[in-house]
Amino acid sequence: MIEFIRDYAMYAAVFGFFSLAWFGWAQENPKKSWRKYIGIASGVALLVCLVGVFLSVQNWSEPSALLEKDSFTQYLIVFYAEFIIAGIGVFFLIKRKYKSLVAPWVSFVVGTHFFGLQISSKILACIY
């Protein structure tokens, strides 16, 4: 049983949206042989996003893990830290004329928080 169905629906919406953005970046100048696969992946990402949005709206009144004050505060801290770190990196990459590294940098910053989530979930599992 899924404890927080609304959260899982939001995961699908958010991951689908960002996958669509990342595959969109990948369409900038891919090898010709990759184009159709990136296009298909973009389409799948869009579908995942739309289904996630639909399910999120349908389950909006369901409970969420973020309703707990500490969880939401921790989420906001991580979100703003990622946003600031990514923004500073993008600023310097553009200033130094490395625009082609902006998408990989943002993807790296966003992806690294999953390591922190994994570590914190293991710590919490030991405590509880």
N, C-alpha and C. Protein backbone atom coordinates (compact mmCIF):
# COMPACT_ATOMS: atom_id res chain seq x y z
N MET A 1 0.84 -1.19 0.00
CA MET A 1 0.00 0.00 0.00
C MET A 1 0.89 1.25 0.00
N ILE A 2 0.47 2.21 -0.74
CA ILE A 2 1.21 3.47 -0.83
C ILE A 2 0.67 4.41 0.23
N GLU A 3 1.57 4.87 1.11
CA GLU A 3 1.14 5.71 2.22
C GLU A 3 0.72 7.11 1.76
N PHE A 4 1.47 7.70 0.85
CA PHE A 4 1.19 9.06 0.40
C PHE A 4 1.02 9.08 -1.11
N ILE A 5 -0.15 8.67 -1.59
CA ILE A 5 -0.40 8.59 -3.03
C ILE A 5 -0.19 9.93 -3.72
N ARG A 6 -0.56 11.01 -3.05
CA ARG A 6 -0.39 12.34 -3.63
C ARG A 6 1.09 12.63 -3.91
N ASP A 7 1.97 12.23 -3.01
CA ASP A 7 3.40 12.46 -3.21
C ASP A 7 3.92 11.68 -4.42
N TYR A 8 3.49 10.44 -4.57
CA TYR A 8 3.94 9.65 -5.71
C TYR A 8 3.44 10.25 -7.02
N ALA A 9 2.23 10.75 -7.01
CA ALA A 9 1.70 11.41 -8.21
C ALA A 9 2.52 12.66 -8.54
N MET A 10 2.89 13.41 -7.51
CA MET A 10 3.72 14.60 -7.72
C MET A 10 5.11 14.22 -8.21
N TYR A 11 5.66 13.10 -7.72
CA TYR A 11 6.96 12.64 -8.22
C TYR A 11 6.88 12.44 -9.74
N ALA A 12 5.82 11.79 -10.18
CA ALA A 12 5.67 11.54 -11.61
C ALA A 12 5.57 12.86 -12.37
N ALA A 13 4.81 13.81 -11.85
CA ALA A 13 4.65 15.10 -12.52
C ALA A 13 5.99 15.84 -12.59
N VAL A 14 6.69 15.90 -11.47
CA VAL A 14 7.96 16.64 -11.42
C VAL A 14 9.04 15.95 -12.24
N PHE A 15 9.21 14.64 -12.06
CA PHE A 15 10.24 13.93 -12.82
C PHE A 15 9.92 13.93 -14.31
N GLY A 16 8.66 13.81 -14.66
CA GLY A 16 8.28 13.88 -16.06
C GLY A 16 8.60 15.23 -16.65
N PHE A 17 8.30 16.30 -15.90
CA PHE A 17 8.57 17.66 -16.38
C PHE A 17 10.07 17.89 -16.58
N PHE A 18 10.87 17.53 -15.58
CA PHE A 18 12.30 17.75 -15.70
C PHE A 18 12.94 16.82 -16.73
N SER A 19 12.41 15.62 -16.88
CA SER A 19 12.91 14.75 -17.94
C SER A 19 12.63 15.38 -19.30
N LEU A 20 11.46 15.96 -19.44
CA LEU A 20 11.13 16.65 -20.69
C LEU A 20 12.11 17.80 -20.94
N ALA A 21 12.43 18.55 -19.90
CA ALA A 21 13.39 19.66 -20.05
C ALA A 21 14.77 19.13 -20.42
N TRP A 22 15.21 18.07 -19.74
CA TRP A 22 16.55 17.53 -20.01
C TRP A 22 16.63 16.93 -21.41
N PHE A 23 15.59 16.21 -21.83
CA PHE A 23 15.60 15.68 -23.20
C PHE A 23 15.47 16.82 -24.21
N GLY A 24 14.82 17.89 -23.82
CA GLY A 24 14.77 19.07 -24.69
C GLY A 24 16.16 19.65 -24.89
N TRP A 25 16.93 19.73 -23.81
CA TRP A 25 18.32 20.19 -23.93
C TRP A 25 19.11 19.25 -24.84
N ALA A 26 18.85 17.97 -24.72
CA ALA A 26 19.58 16.98 -25.51
C ALA A 26 19.29 17.11 -27.01
N GLN A 27 18.17 17.75 -27.36
CA GLN A 27 17.81 17.90 -28.76
C GLN A 27 18.53 19.08 -29.43
N GLU A 28 19.34 19.78 -28.68
CA GLU A 28 20.02 20.95 -29.23
C GLU A 28 20.92 20.59 -30.42
N ASN A 29 21.73 19.56 -30.26
CA ASN A 29 22.65 19.21 -31.34
C ASN A 29 23.10 17.75 -31.22
N PRO A 30 22.14 16.80 -31.26
CA PRO A 30 22.53 15.40 -31.09
C PRO A 30 23.04 14.80 -32.40
N LYS A 31 23.64 13.63 -32.28
CA LYS A 31 23.98 12.86 -33.48
C LYS A 31 22.68 12.53 -34.21
N LYS A 32 22.72 12.47 -35.51
CA LYS A 32 21.50 12.19 -36.29
C LYS A 32 20.85 10.87 -35.86
N SER A 33 21.68 9.88 -35.55
CA SER A 33 21.14 8.57 -35.18
C SER A 33 20.42 8.59 -33.83
N TRP A 34 20.65 9.62 -33.01
CA TRP A 34 20.04 9.71 -31.69
C TRP A 34 18.73 10.48 -31.71
N ARG A 35 18.48 11.26 -32.74
CA ARG A 35 17.36 12.20 -32.75
C ARG A 35 16.01 11.54 -32.48
N LYS A 36 15.73 10.45 -33.17
CA LYS A 36 14.41 9.84 -32.98
C LYS A 36 14.26 9.28 -31.56
N TYR A 37 15.33 8.76 -30.99
CA TYR A 37 15.25 8.20 -29.64
C TYR A 37 15.05 9.31 -28.60
N ILE A 38 15.72 10.41 -28.80
CA ILE A 38 15.54 11.54 -27.89
C ILE A 38 14.12 12.10 -28.03
N GLY A 39 13.62 12.13 -29.26
CA GLY A 39 12.24 12.57 -29.48
C GLY A 39 11.24 11.65 -28.80
N ILE A 40 11.46 10.34 -28.91
CA ILE A 40 10.57 9.37 -28.25
C ILE A 40 10.65 9.55 -26.74
N ALA A 41 11.87 9.70 -26.22
CA ALA A 41 12.04 9.89 -24.77
C ALA A 41 11.34 11.17 -24.32
N SER A 42 11.40 12.22 -25.12
CA SER A 42 10.70 13.47 -24.78
C SER A 42 9.19 13.24 -24.73
N GLY A 43 8.68 12.48 -25.68
CA GLY A 43 7.25 12.18 -25.69
C GLY A 43 6.83 11.38 -24.47
N VAL A 44 7.63 10.38 -24.11
CA VAL A 44 7.33 9.57 -22.91
C VAL A 44 7.38 10.45 -21.66
N ALA A 45 8.38 11.34 -21.58
CA ALA A 45 8.49 12.25 -20.44
C ALA A 45 7.27 13.15 -20.34
N LEU A 46 6.80 13.64 -21.46
CA LEU A 46 5.60 14.49 -21.46
C LEU A 46 4.40 13.71 -20.96
N LEU A 47 4.25 12.47 -21.42
CA LEU A 47 3.13 11.65 -20.96
C LEU A 47 3.20 11.38 -19.45
N VAL A 48 4.39 11.06 -18.96
CA VAL A 48 4.57 10.83 -17.52
C VAL A 48 4.19 12.09 -16.74
N CYS A 49 4.63 13.23 -17.23
CA CYS A 49 4.32 14.50 -16.58
C CYS A 49 2.81 14.74 -16.55
N LEU A 50 2.16 14.58 -17.68
CA LEU A 50 0.72 14.84 -17.75
C LEU A 50 -0.09 13.87 -16.89
N VAL A 51 0.28 12.60 -16.89
CA VAL A 51 -0.39 11.63 -16.03
C VAL A 51 -0.16 12.00 -14.56
N GLY A 52 1.07 12.38 -14.22
CA GLY A 52 1.37 12.80 -12.85
C GLY A 52 0.57 14.01 -12.42
N VAL A 53 0.45 14.99 -13.31
CA VAL A 53 -0.36 16.18 -12.99
C VAL A 53 -1.82 15.78 -12.79
N PHE A 54 -2.34 14.95 -13.68
CA PHE A 54 -3.73 14.50 -13.55
C PHE A 54 -3.96 13.79 -12.22
N LEU A 55 -3.07 12.84 -11.90
CA LEU A 55 -3.22 12.09 -10.65
C LEU A 55 -3.02 12.98 -9.42
N SER A 56 -2.14 13.97 -9.53
CA SER A 56 -1.93 14.91 -8.42
C SER A 56 -3.20 15.70 -8.14
N VAL A 57 -3.82 16.17 -9.20
CA VAL A 57 -5.07 16.94 -9.04
C VAL A 57 -6.16 16.05 -8.46
N GLN A 58 -6.23 14.81 -8.95
CA GLN A 58 -7.26 13.88 -8.47
C GLN A 58 -7.06 13.52 -6.99
N ASN A 59 -5.83 13.55 -6.51
CA ASN A 59 -5.53 13.14 -5.13
C ASN A 59 -5.07 14.31 -4.27
N TRP A 60 -5.42 15.51 -4.64
CA TRP A 60 -4.92 16.70 -3.94
C TRP A 60 -5.33 16.73 -2.47
N SER A 61 -6.47 16.18 -2.13
CA SER A 61 -6.92 16.22 -0.74
C SER A 61 -6.31 15.11 0.12
N GLU A 62 -5.54 14.22 -0.49
CA GLU A 62 -4.89 13.14 0.26
C GLU A 62 -3.73 13.70 1.08
N PRO A 63 -3.32 12.99 2.13
CA PRO A 63 -2.20 13.47 2.95
C PRO A 63 -0.87 13.44 2.18
N SER A 64 0.07 14.25 2.64
CA SER A 64 1.40 14.34 2.03
C SER A 64 2.45 14.29 3.13
N ALA A 65 3.60 13.72 2.80
CA ALA A 65 4.70 13.70 3.77
C ALA A 65 5.16 15.12 4.09
N LEU A 66 4.95 16.04 3.17
CA LEU A 66 5.39 17.42 3.39
C LEU A 66 4.45 18.21 4.30
N LEU A 67 3.36 17.61 4.75
CA LEU A 67 2.48 18.29 5.69
C LEU A 67 3.12 18.40 7.07
N GLU A 68 4.10 17.54 7.33
CA GLU A 68 4.83 17.64 8.60
C GLU A 68 5.79 18.81 8.50
N LYS A 69 5.78 19.68 9.51
CA LYS A 69 6.55 20.93 9.45
C LYS A 69 8.04 20.69 9.21
N ASP A 70 8.64 19.77 9.92
CA ASP A 70 10.08 19.51 9.77
C ASP A 70 10.41 19.01 8.37
N SER A 71 9.57 18.15 7.81
CA SER A 71 9.81 17.64 6.47
C SER A 71 9.75 18.75 5.44
N PHE A 72 8.76 19.62 5.56
CA PHE A 72 8.62 20.71 4.60
C PHE A 72 9.78 21.70 4.73
N THR A 73 10.20 21.98 5.95
CA THR A 73 11.33 22.89 6.16
C THR A 73 12.60 22.31 5.54
N GLN A 74 12.85 21.02 5.77
CA GLN A 74 14.02 20.37 5.20
C GLN A 74 13.95 20.40 3.67
N TYR A 75 12.78 20.15 3.13
CA TYR A 75 12.60 20.20 1.68
C TYR A 75 12.94 21.59 1.14
N LEU A 76 12.44 22.64 1.79
CA LEU A 76 12.71 24.01 1.32
C LEU A 76 14.20 24.35 1.39
N ILE A 77 14.86 23.91 2.44
CA ILE A 77 16.30 24.17 2.57
C ILE A 77 17.06 23.52 1.41
N VAL A 78 16.76 22.26 1.13
CA VAL A 78 17.43 21.55 0.04
C VAL A 78 17.10 22.20 -1.30
N PHE A 79 15.83 22.53 -1.50
CA PHE A 79 15.41 23.14 -2.77
C PHE A 79 16.13 24.46 -3.02
N TYR A 80 16.12 25.35 -2.04
CA TYR A 80 16.77 26.65 -2.25
C TYR A 80 18.29 26.52 -2.35
N ALA A 81 18.87 25.60 -1.60
CA ALA A 81 20.32 25.39 -1.71
C ALA A 81 20.68 24.92 -3.13
N GLU A 82 19.92 23.97 -3.66
CA GLU A 82 20.16 23.50 -5.02
C GLU A 82 19.98 24.63 -6.03
N PHE A 83 18.94 25.40 -5.86
CA PHE A 83 18.65 26.50 -6.78
C PHE A 83 19.79 27.51 -6.78
N ILE A 84 20.26 27.87 -5.60
CA ILE A 84 21.34 28.85 -5.50
C ILE A 84 22.65 28.28 -6.06
N ILE A 85 22.99 27.06 -5.70
CA ILE A 85 24.23 26.44 -6.20
C ILE A 85 24.18 26.31 -7.71
N ALA A 86 23.06 25.84 -8.24
CA ALA A 86 22.94 25.70 -9.69
C ALA A 86 23.03 27.07 -10.36
N GLY A 87 22.36 28.06 -9.80
CA GLY A 87 22.38 29.41 -10.37
C GLY A 87 23.77 30.03 -10.39
N ILE A 88 24.51 29.86 -9.30
CA ILE A 88 25.88 30.39 -9.25
C ILE A 88 26.75 29.70 -10.30
N GLY A 89 26.62 28.39 -10.40
CA GLY A 89 27.39 27.65 -11.41
C GLY A 89 27.03 28.08 -12.82
N VAL A 90 25.74 28.26 -13.09
CA VAL A 90 25.30 28.70 -14.42
C VAL A 90 25.88 30.08 -14.73
N PHE A 91 25.82 30.98 -13.75
CA PHE A 91 26.37 32.32 -13.94
C PHE A 91 27.84 32.26 -14.37
N PHE A 92 28.63 31.48 -13.64
CA PHE A 92 30.06 31.39 -13.96
C PHE A 92 30.31 30.67 -15.28
N LEU A 93 29.53 29.65 -15.58
CA LEU A 93 29.70 28.95 -16.86
C LEU A 93 29.40 29.88 -18.04
N ILE A 94 28.34 30.64 -17.93
CA ILE A 94 28.00 31.57 -19.01
C ILE A 94 29.03 32.68 -19.10
N LYS A 95 29.45 33.19 -17.94
CA LYS A 95 30.45 34.27 -17.93
C LYS A 95 31.76 33.81 -18.57
N ARG A 96 32.12 32.56 -18.37
CA ARG A 96 33.38 32.03 -18.92
C ARG A 96 33.18 31.39 -20.30
N LYS A 97 31.99 31.61 -20.87
CA LYS A 97 31.66 31.15 -22.23
C LYS A 97 31.66 29.62 -22.37
N TYR A 98 31.13 28.94 -21.36
CA TYR A 98 30.94 27.50 -21.40
C TYR A 98 29.45 27.17 -21.39
N LYS A 99 28.68 27.81 -22.26
CA LYS A 99 27.24 27.62 -22.27
C LYS A 99 26.83 26.16 -22.49
N SER A 100 27.64 25.42 -23.21
CA SER A 100 27.31 24.02 -23.48
C SER A 100 27.34 23.16 -22.22
N LEU A 101 27.92 23.67 -21.14
CA LEU A 101 27.99 22.90 -19.89
C LEU A 101 26.87 23.26 -18.90
N VAL A 102 26.00 24.19 -19.27
CA VAL A 102 24.92 24.61 -18.36
C VAL A 102 23.98 23.44 -18.04
N ALA A 103 23.48 22.77 -19.07
CA ALA A 103 22.54 21.66 -18.84
C ALA A 103 23.18 20.53 -18.02
N PRO A 104 24.40 20.09 -18.35
CA PRO A 104 25.01 19.05 -17.51
C PRO A 104 25.22 19.52 -16.06
N TRP A 105 25.58 20.78 -15.87
CA TRP A 105 25.79 21.29 -14.51
C TRP A 105 24.49 21.25 -13.71
N VAL A 106 23.41 21.75 -14.30
CA VAL A 106 22.12 21.75 -13.60
C VAL A 106 21.69 20.32 -13.30
N SER A 107 21.86 19.43 -14.27
CA SER A 107 21.50 18.02 -14.05
C SER A 107 22.33 17.41 -12.92
N PHE A 108 23.61 17.73 -12.88
CA PHE A 108 24.49 17.24 -11.82
C PHE A 108 24.03 17.73 -10.45
N VAL A 109 23.75 19.02 -10.34
CA VAL A 109 23.33 19.59 -9.04
C VAL A 109 22.03 18.95 -8.59
N VAL A 110 21.08 18.85 -9.49
CA VAL A 110 19.78 18.25 -9.11
C VAL A 110 19.96 16.78 -8.77
N GLY A 111 20.77 16.08 -9.53
CA GLY A 111 20.97 14.65 -9.29
C GLY A 111 21.68 14.33 -7.99
N THR A 112 22.58 15.21 -7.56
CA THR A 112 23.35 14.91 -6.35
C THR A 112 22.49 14.88 -5.09
N HIS A 113 21.36 15.55 -5.09
CA HIS A 113 20.56 15.54 -3.86
C HIS A 113 19.98 14.16 -3.57
N PHE A 114 19.94 13.29 -4.58
CA PHE A 114 19.44 11.94 -4.33
C PHE A 114 20.40 11.15 -3.43
N PHE A 115 21.69 11.46 -3.50
CA PHE A 115 22.63 10.81 -2.59
C PHE A 115 22.32 11.22 -1.15
N GLY A 116 22.08 12.51 -0.96
CA GLY A 116 21.72 13.00 0.37
C GLY A 116 20.43 12.39 0.88
N LEU A 117 19.45 12.25 0.01
CA LEU A 117 18.19 11.63 0.41
C LEU A 117 18.40 10.19 0.83
N GLN A 118 19.23 9.46 0.08
CA GLN A 118 19.51 8.06 0.40
C GLN A 118 20.21 7.95 1.76
N ILE A 119 21.19 8.79 1.97
CA ILE A 119 21.94 8.75 3.23
C ILE A 119 21.02 9.12 4.39
N SER A 120 20.22 10.18 4.23
CA SER A 120 19.36 10.61 5.33
C SER A 120 18.29 9.56 5.61
N SER A 121 17.79 8.85 4.57
CA SER A 121 16.78 7.82 4.82
C SER A 121 17.39 6.65 5.58
N LYS A 122 18.64 6.32 5.32
CA LYS A 122 19.31 5.24 6.05
C LYS A 122 19.54 5.65 7.51
N ILE A 123 19.92 6.90 7.72
CA ILE A 123 20.12 7.39 9.09
C ILE A 123 18.80 7.36 9.85
N LEU A 124 17.73 7.83 9.21
CA LEU A 124 16.42 7.82 9.87
C LEU A 124 15.96 6.40 10.15
N ALA A 125 16.26 5.47 9.24
CA ALA A 125 15.88 4.06 9.47
C ALA A 125 16.59 3.49 10.68
N CYS A 126 17.83 3.90 10.91
CA CYS A 126 18.58 3.43 12.07
C CYS A 126 18.01 4.04 13.37
N ILE A 127 17.60 5.29 13.28
CA ILE A 127 17.07 5.97 14.48
C ILE A 127 15.72 5.40 14.87
N TYR A 128 14.86 5.17 13.89
CA TYR A 128 13.51 4.70 14.18
C TYR A 128 13.45 3.22 14.03
